[in-house]
Amino acid sequence: MTAPSPLLIAMHPSDNVAIVANDGGLAAGTLLPDNGPGAGLVLRDKVPQGHKVALVDLPAGAPVRRYNVVIGHAARAVPAGSWVHERLLHMPDACGLDDLPKATAPAPDWAPLAGYTFEGYRNADGSVGTRNILAITTTVQCVTGVVEFAVQRIRQELLPQYPHVDDVVGLSHSYGCGVAIDAPDAVIPIRTLRHISLNPNFGGEVMVVSLGCEKLQPDRLLPPGSIPLVDARSSTDASVLDVVCLQDDAHVGFMSMIESILRQARVHLERLNLRRRETCPASELVVGVQCGGSDALSGVTANPAVGFATDLLVRAGAAVMFSEVTEVRDGIAQLTARAASPAVADAMIREMAWYDAYLQRGSVDRSANTTPGNKLGGLSNIVEKAMGSIVKSGSGPISGVLAPGEKLRQKGLIYAATPASDFICGTLQVAAGMNLHIFTTGRGTPYGLAPVPVIKVATRNDLARRWHDLMDVNAGRIATGEASIEQVGWEMFELMLAVASGRKTWAEHWGLKNDLVLFNPAPIT
């Protein structure tokens, strides 16, 4: 079998490095073809897939450019044809947050994208679900084991009686007690839990299991007026919270607690089972975009394709959230320029500054973000990673900003400020009201969420081949020229409509569900 031709990808004509796209990388001594970056160079080193090759001689201290951005400076002289990795780069300082461009980028001249629909569940508050799930909210970690036991019973004994209900999930977490509940930043985990309970995929049904002695009491988590009526025609009193308290005197023995939970679950299942999918415009989608287990191909294949799909969704009137503070911090000037107004730019700057201060309190900075897997995949530092992450946001104007745990109340492209941690970011996007999630990965992750379907996108062909029953889309075809960014972007858009209409993702097929992990910057007592 003939070895595949060397394939290098440069992101901009001004770049002085390019990445190797070949599966397995390229051997030392490989002659680079005349029709691509580094034409006629001979590789001095073996270069792994996703890693960078110097296209010119780089003197010590010289800027190293990728995406036409300085991602570092050469720690020593690097001859052309050499492998450029993280140990050869000094990372630039973070850019300041003063004197940034605000709302200066011209908005694209887009035509609205009309006529696209999906089959969803309309809720009384105007939102639309892509799934019909019974969620059991918990006020404190102490009740998690009891709720998990009850959920298994509900799945086995009750769900078969309610064929129009997709699932039952326990919303367990590590919060609720042993915390400084009145600390200023405690608002973040509390509002996150509140808004998760009201996610559109739960149909407006709110059921709570409490221990009884915890600091986060049910009426503090879900105060009167926070729960909309399930149905305007219903006699349900939304001011009365449905709570099963395990410390109530009425409970004698463990099974008494379980039977109480099952009895209340049946009430909610009866109502959820009456719901049916109906045709909804694509504008009712609330999509969270995220990347995890990233590699250097993330910014070449999967993330640009997601960015193209993001533009399609925005043109269709939907809401799209991109997030991960440390993974956009080094591109903040690009984002503030794309803000729809100076006020939106100021809100982004405020979130960056808040997170800078949060990291400083822990004696770390943004450089702590990059993982060993990111580096194995060719990402030398957070600057390079950020350039590839931002492209998930597409090219449209940024119309709003959410602080962590807030609920989304507008359409368009939204910056939802979250940590970059996959499971914390996903949890906060669920709280914001996400009804569909798209997640790109280069190293591979079996990530999934119980409340929301997750579409996973592979950045490279080898991952898509090996994890064929975990990846929903293969964007690696872009690197090899088998498909364009536009083609894969349309494929994602159409798949999102199908999944929103009930088609299962691989994560749903296997039942893969990451824990909900709260962002809690407040003190633990």
Protein backbone atom coordinates (compact mmCIF):
# COMPACT_ATOMS: atom_id res chain seq x y z
CA MET A 1 0.00 0.00 0.00
CA THR A 2 1.32 3.45 -0.94
CA ALA A 3 1.91 5.75 2.02
CA PRO A 4 -0.39 8.80 2.00
CA SER A 5 1.14 12.06 0.85
CA PRO A 6 2.35 14.40 3.58
CA LEU A 7 -0.46 16.79 4.52
CA LEU A 8 0.30 20.03 6.34
CA ILE A 9 -2.28 22.71 7.13
CA ALA A 10 -1.53 26.39 7.70
CA MET A 11 -4.37 28.61 8.93
CA HIS A 12 -3.19 31.92 7.40
CA PRO A 13 -0.66 33.00 4.76
CA SER A 14 1.29 34.87 7.47
CA ASP A 15 1.71 31.78 9.66
CA ASN A 16 5.27 30.51 10.10
CA VAL A 17 4.15 27.09 11.37
CA ALA A 18 1.75 24.50 9.99
CA ILE A 19 0.29 21.37 11.57
CA VAL A 20 0.61 17.78 10.39
CA ALA A 21 -2.79 16.30 9.51
CA ASN A 22 -1.67 12.74 8.62
CA ASP A 23 -2.83 9.91 10.87
CA GLY A 24 0.20 8.75 12.83
CA GLY A 25 2.16 11.92 12.02
CA LEU A 26 5.17 12.15 9.68
CA ALA A 27 8.62 10.62 9.99
CA ALA A 28 11.90 12.51 10.09
CA GLY A 29 13.28 12.84 6.57
CA THR A 30 9.84 13.29 4.97
CA LEU A 31 9.97 15.58 1.95
CA LEU A 32 7.09 18.07 1.98
CA PRO A 33 5.27 18.41 -1.37
CA ASP A 34 5.57 21.47 -3.56
CA ASN A 35 1.85 22.23 -3.47
CA GLY A 36 1.47 23.03 0.22
CA PRO A 37 2.99 24.79 3.24
CA GLY A 38 6.72 24.26 3.64
CA ALA A 39 7.10 23.24 0.00
CA GLY A 40 10.36 21.35 -0.53
CA LEU A 41 11.31 21.20 3.16
CA VAL A 42 12.64 17.99 4.66
CA LEU A 43 11.42 17.24 8.20
CA ARG A 44 14.25 17.25 10.71
CA ASP A 45 12.17 15.44 13.35
CA LYS A 46 9.37 12.95 13.60
CA VAL A 47 6.26 15.12 14.02
CA PRO A 48 3.08 13.64 15.58
CA GLN A 49 -0.35 14.29 14.12
CA GLY A 50 -1.66 17.75 15.02
CA HIS A 51 1.77 19.09 15.93
CA LYS A 52 3.51 22.04 14.35
CA VAL A 53 6.34 22.22 11.83
CA ALA A 54 8.49 25.34 11.47
CA LEU A 55 8.06 26.60 7.92
CA VAL A 56 11.02 29.00 8.19
CA ASP A 57 14.06 29.34 10.44
CA LEU A 58 12.92 30.78 13.77
CA PRO A 59 15.66 32.62 15.71
CA ALA A 60 15.57 32.56 19.51
CA GLY A 61 12.89 34.98 20.67
CA ALA A 62 11.14 35.06 17.28
CA PRO A 63 7.34 35.20 17.29
CA VAL A 64 5.63 31.94 16.32
CA ARG A 65 2.45 32.62 14.39
CA ARG A 66 -0.59 30.40 13.92
CA TYR A 67 -4.06 31.74 12.94
CA ASN A 68 -2.04 34.93 12.15
CA VAL A 69 -1.71 35.30 15.94
CA VAL A 70 1.48 35.15 17.99
CA ILE A 71 1.00 31.98 20.03
CA GLY A 72 4.48 32.18 21.59
CA HIS A 73 8.12 33.06 21.15
CA ALA A 74 10.87 30.58 20.29
CA ALA A 75 12.80 29.57 23.42
CA ARG A 76 15.83 28.83 21.22
CA ALA A 77 16.69 28.85 17.54
CA VAL A 78 14.42 26.46 15.62
CA PRO A 79 15.49 25.49 12.08
CA ALA A 80 12.90 25.16 9.32
CA GLY A 81 11.45 21.64 9.17
CA SER A 82 11.69 21.15 12.96
CA TRP A 83 8.96 19.96 15.30
CA VAL A 84 7.62 22.98 17.26
CA HIS A 85 6.13 21.86 20.60
CA GLU A 86 5.22 23.46 23.92
CA ARG A 87 8.73 23.12 25.40
CA LEU A 88 10.11 25.34 22.62
CA LEU A 89 7.65 28.19 23.23
CA HIS A 90 7.41 30.99 25.77
CA MET A 91 3.72 31.90 26.11
CA PRO A 92 2.77 35.57 25.61
CA ASP A 93 1.31 37.57 28.48
CA ALA A 94 -2.46 37.94 28.56
CA CYS A 95 -3.74 40.97 26.71
CA GLY A 96 -5.13 43.80 28.81
CA LEU A 97 -8.82 44.52 29.12
CA ASP A 98 -8.52 48.26 28.51
CA ASP A 99 -8.84 50.01 25.17
CA LEU A 100 -10.46 47.04 23.43
CA PRO A 101 -12.52 47.54 20.25
CA LYS A 102 -16.23 47.62 21.04
CA ALA A 103 -18.91 46.79 18.46
CA THR A 104 -16.64 47.78 15.58
CA ALA A 105 -16.97 44.71 13.34
CA PRO A 106 -19.57 45.06 10.58
CA ALA A 107 -22.46 42.62 10.90
CA PRO A 108 -22.65 40.00 8.12
CA ASP A 109 -25.16 40.72 5.38
CA TRP A 110 -27.20 37.56 6.01
CA ALA A 111 -30.55 36.58 4.64
CA PRO A 112 -32.86 34.97 7.22
CA LEU A 113 -32.95 31.18 7.04
CA ALA A 114 -36.63 30.25 6.95
CA GLY A 115 -38.61 27.03 6.62
CA TYR A 116 -36.59 24.75 8.92
CA THR A 117 -38.51 22.99 11.67
CA PHE A 118 -38.28 20.21 14.24
CA GLU A 119 -40.77 18.22 16.29
CA GLY A 120 -40.58 19.49 19.88
CA TYR A 121 -42.57 19.80 23.10
CA ARG A 122 -44.12 23.22 23.71
CA ASN A 123 -44.13 24.42 27.31
CA ALA A 124 -46.51 26.80 29.06
CA ASP A 125 -43.76 29.37 29.61
CA GLY A 126 -43.10 29.62 25.84
CA SER A 127 -39.98 27.45 25.78
CA VAL A 128 -39.69 24.25 23.74
CA GLY A 129 -38.20 20.95 24.84
CA THR A 130 -36.43 18.43 22.65
CA ARG A 131 -37.05 15.67 25.21
CA ASN A 132 -39.88 14.90 27.65
CA ILE A 133 -38.14 14.02 30.92
CA LEU A 134 -39.19 13.81 34.56
CA ALA A 135 -36.48 15.50 36.63
CA ILE A 136 -36.21 15.09 40.38
CA THR A 137 -34.44 18.07 41.92
CA THR A 138 -32.34 17.55 45.04
CA THR A 139 -31.50 20.24 47.58
CA VAL A 140 -28.43 18.54 49.00
CA GLN A 141 -25.91 15.82 48.22
CA CYS A 142 -27.07 13.80 51.26
CA VAL A 143 -30.20 12.57 49.44
CA THR A 144 -28.42 11.40 46.29
CA GLY A 145 -28.32 7.69 47.16
CA VAL A 146 -32.01 7.64 48.03
CA VAL A 147 -32.95 9.46 44.82
CA GLU A 148 -30.81 7.12 42.69
CA PHE A 149 -32.56 4.11 44.25
CA ALA A 150 -35.97 5.71 43.59
CA VAL A 151 -35.05 6.60 39.99
CA GLN A 152 -34.20 2.97 39.27
CA ARG A 153 -37.55 1.89 40.66
CA ILE A 154 -39.35 4.54 38.61
CA ARG A 155 -37.57 3.43 35.42
CA GLN A 156 -38.37 -0.22 36.00
CA GLU A 157 -41.89 -0.01 37.43
CA LEU A 158 -43.49 3.27 36.31
CA LEU A 159 -41.96 4.42 33.03
CA PRO A 160 -43.36 1.47 31.03
CA GLN A 161 -46.82 2.77 31.95
CA TYR A 162 -46.04 6.19 30.46
CA PRO A 163 -44.74 5.57 26.92
CA HIS A 164 -44.60 9.27 25.99
CA VAL A 165 -42.10 10.09 28.75
CA ASP A 166 -38.50 9.69 27.61
CA ASP A 167 -36.73 9.24 30.93
CA VAL A 168 -36.49 10.11 34.60
CA VAL A 169 -33.34 11.73 35.98
CA GLY A 170 -32.17 12.69 39.43
CA LEU A 171 -30.55 16.13 39.51
CA SER A 172 -27.88 15.29 42.05
CA HIS A 173 -24.95 17.54 42.90
CA SER A 174 -22.36 18.22 45.58
CA TYR A 175 -23.96 21.35 47.03
CA GLY A 176 -26.58 22.22 49.64
CA CYS A 177 -24.82 22.09 53.00
CA GLY A 178 -21.40 22.59 54.54
CA VAL A 179 -21.19 25.82 52.57
CA ALA A 180 -21.25 29.54 53.32
CA ILE A 181 -24.80 29.84 52.04
CA ASP A 182 -24.92 33.65 52.46
CA ALA A 183 -21.56 34.39 50.86
CA PRO A 184 -21.86 36.75 47.87
CA ASP A 185 -20.76 34.12 45.32
CA ALA A 186 -23.16 31.49 46.72
CA VAL A 187 -25.72 32.99 44.35
CA ILE A 188 -23.97 31.15 41.49
CA PRO A 189 -24.62 27.51 42.53
CA ILE A 190 -28.07 28.36 43.93
CA ARG A 191 -29.36 30.02 40.77
CA THR A 192 -27.70 27.28 38.70
CA LEU A 193 -29.70 24.58 40.52
CA ARG A 194 -32.88 26.63 40.30
CA HIS A 195 -32.57 27.14 36.58
CA ILE A 196 -31.58 23.53 35.88
CA SER A 197 -34.88 22.50 37.50
CA LEU A 198 -36.68 24.70 34.97
CA ASN A 199 -34.90 23.40 31.84
CA PRO A 200 -37.29 23.17 28.85
CA ASN A 201 -36.75 19.41 28.55
CA PHE A 202 -38.49 18.90 31.91
CA GLY A 203 -41.87 20.18 30.72
CA GLY A 204 -42.43 22.60 33.60
CA GLU A 205 -42.81 19.74 36.11
CA VAL A 206 -40.83 20.43 39.30
CA MET A 207 -40.42 17.78 41.98
CA VAL A 208 -37.97 18.16 44.87
CA VAL A 209 -36.40 15.72 47.32
CA SER A 210 -35.00 17.35 50.47
CA LEU A 211 -33.27 15.98 53.54
CA GLY A 212 -34.70 18.57 55.91
CA CYS A 213 -31.74 20.00 57.82
CA GLU A 214 -29.67 21.35 54.92
CA LYS A 215 -28.74 25.00 54.48
CA LEU A 216 -30.27 25.14 51.00
CA GLN A 217 -33.92 24.75 51.98
CA PRO A 218 -36.45 24.05 49.20
CA ASP A 219 -38.11 27.46 49.46
CA ARG A 220 -34.73 29.15 49.09
CA LEU A 221 -33.88 27.05 46.05
CA LEU A 222 -37.29 27.56 44.43
CA PRO A 223 -39.04 30.51 46.09
CA PRO A 224 -42.71 31.30 45.42
CA GLY A 225 -43.24 32.60 41.91
CA SER A 226 -40.17 30.92 40.43
CA ILE A 227 -42.12 28.02 38.89
CA PRO A 228 -44.52 28.76 36.03
CA LEU A 229 -47.81 26.90 35.76
CA VAL A 230 -47.47 23.58 33.96
CA ASP A 231 -50.53 24.43 31.88
CA ALA A 232 -52.63 27.57 31.89
CA ARG A 233 -55.75 25.36 32.04
CA SER A 234 -54.42 23.36 34.99
CA SER A 235 -55.61 23.80 38.54
CA THR A 236 -52.06 23.13 39.74
CA ASP A 237 -51.01 25.78 42.23
CA ALA A 238 -47.49 26.70 41.18
CA SER A 239 -46.93 28.49 44.50
CA VAL A 240 -47.03 25.14 46.33
CA LEU A 241 -43.72 23.36 45.85
CA ASP A 242 -43.89 19.56 45.57
CA VAL A 243 -41.32 18.42 48.15
CA VAL A 244 -40.59 15.00 49.60
CA CYS A 245 -38.63 15.62 52.84
CA LEU A 246 -36.81 12.52 54.06
CA GLN A 247 -36.68 13.69 57.69
CA ASP A 248 -40.47 14.07 57.94
CA ASP A 249 -41.91 12.13 60.88
CA ALA A 250 -44.25 10.32 58.50
CA HIS A 251 -41.36 8.32 57.06
CA VAL A 252 -40.79 5.10 58.98
CA GLY A 253 -38.08 3.09 57.29
CA PHE A 254 -36.26 3.46 53.99
CA MET A 255 -39.08 2.06 51.86
CA SER A 256 -41.44 4.69 53.25
CA MET A 257 -39.19 7.33 51.70
CA ILE A 258 -39.00 5.48 48.38
CA GLU A 259 -42.76 4.94 48.16
CA SER A 260 -43.35 8.62 48.87
CA ILE A 261 -41.03 9.60 46.00
CA LEU A 262 -42.70 7.09 43.65
CA ARG A 263 -46.16 8.33 44.63
CA GLN A 264 -45.29 11.94 43.77
CA ALA A 265 -43.43 10.91 40.62
CA ARG A 266 -46.60 9.29 39.32
CA VAL A 267 -48.45 12.63 39.57
CA HIS A 268 -45.86 14.31 37.34
CA LEU A 269 -45.58 11.37 34.97
CA GLU A 270 -49.34 11.49 34.35
CA ARG A 271 -49.07 15.06 33.11
CA LEU A 272 -45.87 14.57 31.14
CA ASN A 273 -47.39 11.56 29.38
CA LEU A 274 -50.15 13.77 27.92
CA ARG A 275 -47.60 15.81 25.99
CA ARG A 276 -46.98 15.23 22.27
CA ARG A 277 -44.38 16.51 19.86
CA GLU A 278 -45.52 19.24 17.50
CA THR A 279 -43.89 21.11 14.64
CA CYS A 280 -41.80 24.03 15.88
CA PRO A 281 -39.60 26.46 13.94
CA ALA A 282 -35.83 26.08 14.23
CA SER A 283 -35.87 29.41 16.08
CA GLU A 284 -37.00 27.51 19.20
CA LEU A 285 -33.67 25.71 19.49
CA VAL A 286 -31.35 26.75 22.32
CA VAL A 287 -28.00 25.18 21.43
CA GLY A 288 -24.90 25.06 23.60
CA VAL A 289 -21.59 24.59 21.77
CA GLN A 290 -18.54 23.29 23.58
CA CYS A 291 -15.24 21.47 23.00
CA GLY A 292 -13.37 19.03 25.22
CA GLY A 293 -10.42 16.72 24.83
CA SER A 294 -9.30 19.22 22.20
CA ASP A 295 -6.38 18.87 19.81
CA ALA A 296 -4.77 21.10 17.21
CA LEU A 297 -7.23 19.87 14.58
CA SER A 298 -10.18 21.14 16.64
CA GLY A 299 -9.63 24.63 15.24
CA VAL A 300 -9.16 23.29 11.71
CA THR A 301 -12.09 20.91 11.24
CA ALA A 302 -14.78 20.44 13.89
CA ASN A 303 -14.90 23.89 15.46
CA PRO A 304 -15.05 25.81 12.15
CA ALA A 305 -17.84 23.47 11.01
CA VAL A 306 -19.69 24.13 14.27
CA GLY A 307 -19.12 27.84 13.66
CA PHE A 308 -20.74 27.52 10.24
CA ALA A 309 -23.70 25.68 11.82
CA THR A 310 -23.86 28.40 14.51
CA ASP A 311 -24.30 31.00 11.78
CA LEU A 312 -27.09 28.91 10.24
CA LEU A 313 -28.87 28.65 13.60
CA VAL A 314 -28.60 32.39 14.22
CA ARG A 315 -29.93 33.08 10.73
CA ALA A 316 -32.85 30.76 11.56
CA GLY A 317 -33.63 32.83 14.67
CA ALA A 318 -32.35 30.33 17.26
CA ALA A 319 -30.23 30.95 20.33
CA VAL A 320 -26.65 29.65 20.43
CA MET A 321 -24.37 29.80 23.47
CA PHE A 322 -20.60 29.60 23.33
CA SER A 323 -18.65 29.64 26.60
CA GLU A 324 -15.39 28.71 28.38
CA VAL A 325 -13.76 31.88 29.72
CA THR A 326 -10.13 30.75 29.65
CA GLU A 327 -10.60 29.42 26.12
CA VAL A 328 -11.68 32.79 24.72
CA ARG A 329 -9.67 35.11 27.01
CA ASP A 330 -6.80 35.43 24.54
CA GLY A 331 -9.18 36.38 21.76
CA ILE A 332 -11.22 38.90 23.72
CA ALA A 333 -10.45 41.70 21.25
CA GLN A 334 -12.03 39.64 18.45
CA LEU A 335 -15.15 39.13 20.55
CA THR A 336 -15.64 42.69 21.80
CA ALA A 337 -15.32 43.89 18.20
CA ARG A 338 -18.18 41.53 17.26
CA ALA A 339 -20.43 42.70 20.11
CA ALA A 340 -23.80 43.98 18.94
CA SER A 341 -23.36 47.05 21.14
CA PRO A 342 -20.77 48.64 23.43
CA ALA A 343 -22.87 47.47 26.40
CA VAL A 344 -22.49 43.84 25.28
CA ALA A 345 -18.72 44.36 24.88
CA ASP A 346 -18.56 45.83 28.39
CA ALA A 347 -20.42 42.81 29.76
CA MET A 348 -17.87 40.46 28.16
CA ILE A 349 -15.00 42.48 29.60
CA ARG A 350 -16.64 42.39 33.02
CA GLU A 351 -16.86 38.57 32.92
CA MET A 352 -13.21 38.29 31.82
CA ALA A 353 -12.09 40.57 34.66
CA TRP A 354 -14.17 38.68 37.23
CA TYR A 355 -12.60 35.40 36.14
CA ASP A 356 -9.09 36.85 36.10
CA ALA A 357 -9.60 37.86 39.74
CA TYR A 358 -11.08 34.45 40.58
CA LEU A 359 -8.00 32.68 39.20
CA GLN A 360 -5.66 35.08 40.97
CA ARG A 361 -7.29 34.22 44.31
CA GLY A 362 -6.18 30.64 43.66
CA SER A 363 -2.66 31.74 42.67
CA VAL A 364 -3.07 30.47 39.09
CA ASP A 365 -3.74 32.00 35.70
CA ARG A 366 -5.17 30.97 32.34
CA SER A 367 -2.11 28.84 31.55
CA ALA A 368 -3.40 26.19 33.98
CA ASN A 369 -6.12 25.34 31.45
CA THR A 370 -4.18 23.27 28.91
CA THR A 371 -4.21 19.54 29.70
CA PRO A 372 -1.67 16.80 28.98
CA GLY A 373 -4.05 15.49 26.32
CA ASN A 374 -4.30 18.89 24.67
CA LYS A 375 -0.50 18.98 24.42
CA LEU A 376 -0.32 15.42 23.07
CA GLY A 377 -2.77 16.59 20.42
CA GLY A 378 -0.49 19.45 19.39
CA LEU A 379 -1.84 22.41 21.39
CA SER A 380 1.20 24.12 22.88
CA ASN A 381 -0.58 26.56 25.18
CA ILE A 382 -3.85 28.30 25.96
CA VAL A 383 -3.27 31.02 23.35
CA GLU A 384 -3.22 28.46 20.55
CA LYS A 385 -6.13 26.59 22.12
CA ALA A 386 -8.20 29.76 22.40
CA MET A 387 -7.79 30.62 18.72
CA GLY A 388 -9.23 27.24 17.76
CA SER A 389 -11.98 27.40 20.36
CA ILE A 390 -13.41 30.80 19.44
CA VAL A 391 -14.31 29.71 15.91
CA LYS A 392 -17.23 27.68 17.32
CA SER A 393 -18.98 31.02 17.69
CA GLY A 394 -19.16 31.56 13.94
CA SER A 395 -19.00 35.03 12.44
CA GLY A 396 -22.15 36.80 13.60
CA PRO A 397 -22.70 39.61 16.09
CA ILE A 398 -22.72 38.66 19.79
CA SER A 399 -26.09 39.83 21.07
CA GLY A 400 -25.87 39.06 24.79
CA VAL A 401 -23.81 37.88 27.75
CA LEU A 402 -24.80 35.55 30.61
CA ALA A 403 -23.07 35.36 33.96
CA PRO A 404 -22.66 31.83 35.41
CA GLY A 405 -25.99 30.27 36.40
CA GLU A 406 -28.20 32.86 34.72
CA LYS A 407 -31.14 31.86 32.54
CA LEU A 408 -31.14 32.79 28.86
CA ARG A 409 -33.99 35.08 27.84
CA GLN A 410 -33.07 36.17 24.29
CA LYS A 411 -32.25 34.82 20.86
CA GLY A 412 -29.11 35.12 18.79
CA LEU A 413 -25.46 34.42 19.57
CA ILE A 414 -24.82 34.58 23.32
CA TYR A 415 -21.60 34.47 25.29
CA ALA A 416 -22.36 32.39 28.40
CA ALA A 417 -19.44 32.92 30.78
CA THR A 418 -18.44 29.57 32.29
CA PRO A 419 -15.30 27.74 33.36
CA ALA A 420 -13.79 25.62 30.60
CA SER A 421 -14.29 22.34 32.49
CA ASP A 422 -16.51 20.19 30.26
CA PHE A 423 -18.94 19.08 32.95
CA ILE A 424 -19.18 22.49 34.69
CA CYS A 425 -19.67 24.29 31.38
CA GLY A 426 -22.32 21.76 30.32
CA THR A 427 -24.10 22.10 33.67
CA LEU A 428 -24.23 25.89 33.36
CA GLN A 429 -25.51 25.69 29.78
CA VAL A 430 -28.27 23.31 30.97
CA ALA A 431 -29.16 25.92 33.62
CA ALA A 432 -29.25 28.65 30.95
CA GLY A 433 -31.99 26.70 29.15
CA MET A 434 -30.09 24.70 26.56
CA ASN A 435 -32.27 22.07 24.86
CA LEU A 436 -29.56 20.67 22.55
CA HIS A 437 -25.78 20.35 22.95
CA ILE A 438 -23.04 20.00 20.33
CA PHE A 439 -19.61 18.94 21.56
CA THR A 440 -16.38 18.62 19.59
CA THR A 441 -13.40 16.47 20.56
CA GLY A 442 -10.04 15.53 19.11
CA ARG A 443 -8.58 13.26 21.78
CA GLY A 444 -11.98 11.65 22.43
CA THR A 445 -14.40 11.74 25.36
CA PRO A 446 -17.58 9.71 26.07
CA TYR A 447 -19.21 12.85 27.51
CA GLY A 448 -23.00 12.93 27.76
CA LEU A 449 -25.74 14.75 29.71
CA ALA A 450 -28.92 13.27 31.16
CA PRO A 451 -31.12 16.38 30.69
CA VAL A 452 -30.10 17.26 27.11
CA PRO A 453 -29.07 15.27 24.01
CA VAL A 454 -25.38 15.70 23.14
CA ILE A 455 -24.15 15.49 19.52
CA LYS A 456 -20.44 14.66 19.50
CA VAL A 457 -18.13 15.66 16.65
CA ALA A 458 -14.72 14.09 15.95
CA THR A 459 -11.96 16.39 14.70
CA ARG A 460 -10.06 13.66 12.84
CA ASN A 461 -10.75 10.53 10.81
CA ASP A 462 -8.80 8.17 13.06
CA LEU A 463 -10.89 9.07 16.12
CA ALA A 464 -14.11 8.72 14.12
CA ARG A 465 -12.96 5.28 12.91
CA ARG A 466 -11.92 3.96 16.32
CA TRP A 467 -14.85 5.51 18.22
CA HIS A 468 -17.37 4.86 15.47
CA ASP A 469 -20.18 4.19 17.96
CA LEU A 470 -19.48 7.24 20.13
CA MET A 471 -19.00 10.03 17.56
CA ASP A 472 -22.09 11.34 15.74
CA VAL A 473 -20.25 13.42 13.12
CA ASN A 474 -16.80 13.02 11.54
CA ALA A 475 -15.33 16.45 10.78
CA GLY A 476 -11.93 14.89 10.06
CA ARG A 477 -12.98 14.68 6.42
CA ILE A 478 -12.32 18.43 6.20
CA ALA A 479 -8.60 17.96 6.84
CA THR A 480 -8.28 15.33 4.12
CA GLY A 481 -10.34 17.26 1.56
CA GLU A 482 -13.20 14.74 1.52
CA ALA A 483 -15.67 17.41 2.67
CA SER A 484 -15.73 21.18 3.12
CA ILE A 485 -16.43 23.17 6.27
CA GLU A 486 -19.72 24.24 4.71
CA GLN A 487 -20.78 20.67 3.91
CA VAL A 488 -20.07 19.41 7.43
CA GLY A 489 -21.71 22.52 8.89
CA TRP A 490 -24.93 21.82 6.99
CA GLU A 491 -24.71 18.16 8.01
CA MET A 492 -24.54 19.23 11.68
CA PHE A 493 -27.43 21.66 11.27
CA GLU A 494 -29.68 19.00 9.75
CA LEU A 495 -28.61 16.47 12.38
CA MET A 496 -29.49 18.96 15.12
CA LEU A 497 -33.03 19.24 13.75
CA ALA A 498 -33.32 15.43 13.62
CA VAL A 499 -32.00 14.97 17.17
CA ALA A 500 -34.26 17.76 18.44
CA SER A 501 -37.14 15.79 16.90
CA GLY A 502 -36.27 12.64 18.86
CA ARG A 503 -33.45 10.89 17.03
CA LYS A 504 -31.05 9.45 19.61
CA THR A 505 -27.40 10.40 19.75
CA TRP A 506 -24.76 7.78 20.50
CA ALA A 507 -24.47 9.08 24.06
CA GLU A 508 -28.22 8.55 24.51
CA HIS A 509 -28.03 5.13 22.86
CA TRP A 510 -25.49 3.94 25.44
CA GLY A 511 -26.96 5.93 28.32
CA LEU A 512 -23.77 7.96 28.91
CA LYS A 513 -24.46 10.71 31.43
CA ASN A 514 -21.89 12.88 33.17
CA ASP A 515 -22.66 14.20 36.64
CA LEU A 516 -23.93 17.74 37.00
CA VAL A 517 -21.04 19.68 38.53
CA LEU A 518 -21.76 23.10 40.00
CA PHE A 519 -19.43 26.08 39.77
CA ASN A 520 -19.10 27.15 43.39
CA PRO A 521 -16.58 29.97 43.98
CA ALA A 522 -18.08 30.63 47.44
CA PRO A 523 -16.33 29.29 50.58
CA ILE A 524 -16.85 25.77 51.88
CA THR A 525 -17.31 25.72 55.64
